[in-house]
Amino acid sequence: MKRFNTIFKFLALIFVMSGCEDKYTEQYLSLEPVYMSYKDFREAVKVESTHSLQKPGKIYYKDNYLFINEIMKGIHVYNNANPVSPQYVGFIAIPGNVDMVIKGNIMYADSYIDLVGIDISNPAAAKEVARLKSVFPYSVPPYESYYRLGPIDDTQGVVVDWTVKKIRKEIEQISNPVYPVYFGSKFTNFSLSADAATNGAQQTSPAGIGGSMARFGLIGNHLLAVDNSSYYNFDLTNATSPSLETKLGMGWGIETMFLSGSNMFLGTSNGMLIYNVADVTKPTYVSNFWHATGCDPVVVQNNRAYVTIRGGDACGSLINRMDVLDITNLKTPVLMRSYNMTGPYGLGIDGDVLFVCDGTDGLKVYNAADPYLISEHLIATFKDINAYDVIPLGNSLLMIGSDGFYQYNYSNLNDIKQISSIKVVK
């Protein structure tokens, strides 16, 4: 009997050990979503008297008012009648906001999956007057890619933030190959509907003026918008009851949109696409100009297009340059010359004056009269800023960067002066 008990215990030990070989414990840090319910999200548009500028995004200008996007949070409003001293009006809280346009007294802005219309007749008392629900893809705030991303449940609401959580869980091993293959780690990846802010001489209209990084634009009574892969046409004939008239797939990697006359120029991760939008319900492909992979906005003036290409990080290659294109014949854009840059973002053109936001290398101002000698005609450089986008307004320049907002007077090109700034609060 004693021998039998010994054999039984030995077999039980083997069984336990063999069972242990099938299971391992994995421990890691995960980004878990923080939700806002759909009810709260759709009741969140409101004016706050104060809100510090922390993560500036795109900019817009209309009727002496300056609008600065706080990425994924809302829009700061300033009275800019005196550019030397912009006066803070208030902050319009718009969860998930990245882009905006203004037609008449109505601002149209993205709010995660919705398009909202906000009456800004009195910006200090702005109020929501229209909402189109679930017209944009489900999107989430930016996150650090070196963390694993926890599963996202879109039935719980919109993701407004992330919390770091230590995850410890049991995972399984398969017998072949020898080394463990782990299952159960679910990675869910969503891209921003607008990454993820047209200017004086470029894309002007009575409606207002935006920057070269925009994905929203206006043609008549229509709001045109693009996300990473789609084109949207919203009918604004009834300002407080907009409707989605057209949605079309346009490939992948769309980053910015620039409207000029009846043409739409799309900056994509692989080049510039040109569409005719004389009929906004049926955009017609015209041509393309391909380049190495990189992030790139486009601005157009007369028969020239200026395209910046930025490499690194999510933008792909290591190429950083600006291309100048002859678009006299829109069907066959021709490269005139390329110029090396440090890390270019947005740009603006006003007559012969070209403004380039070259990232950490600051703002650069050129005389672009001769497209073949732009780099040889550098007018000024402002290096102590991390430049993102610009709006030239004739004699004054609006510029946004990661460290704040700046205004310059360029009426005298031999003496361009910074006249005011709004700094980021860290």
Foldseek 3Di string as FASTA:
>chain_A
DVVVVVVVVVVVVVVVVVVVVFKDKDKFKEWEFDFDAAVCLVVPWFWDADDFQAFWAAWWDADQKIWTDRAQFFIWIWRRPPVLDTHTQTTTGAGRWHAWFFADQWIWTDRFQKIWIWGPPPVNGIDTQAMDGRNFDHAADDDDPVHAYQDDDPNRHHGRGIDMDMDMDMFGADPPPPDGDGDDRDGDDGHRQAPPKVAAQFADDNRIGIWLQHQWDDDVQWIWGGGFFKIWIWGCPPVSYIDTLAIDGHGGFWGGWGDDDQKIWTWGQFWIWIWGPPPVRDTHGQAIDGDHGFGWGWTDHDQKIKIWGFDDDPRHDHFTWIWIWGVPPVNDIDTPDIGGAQGWATWHDDPQWIWTQRFQQAIWIFRCPDVNCTVVGTQDGDRPFGWHIWHDNPQKIWTAGRFWIWMWGCPPSNDIGISHIRGGDD
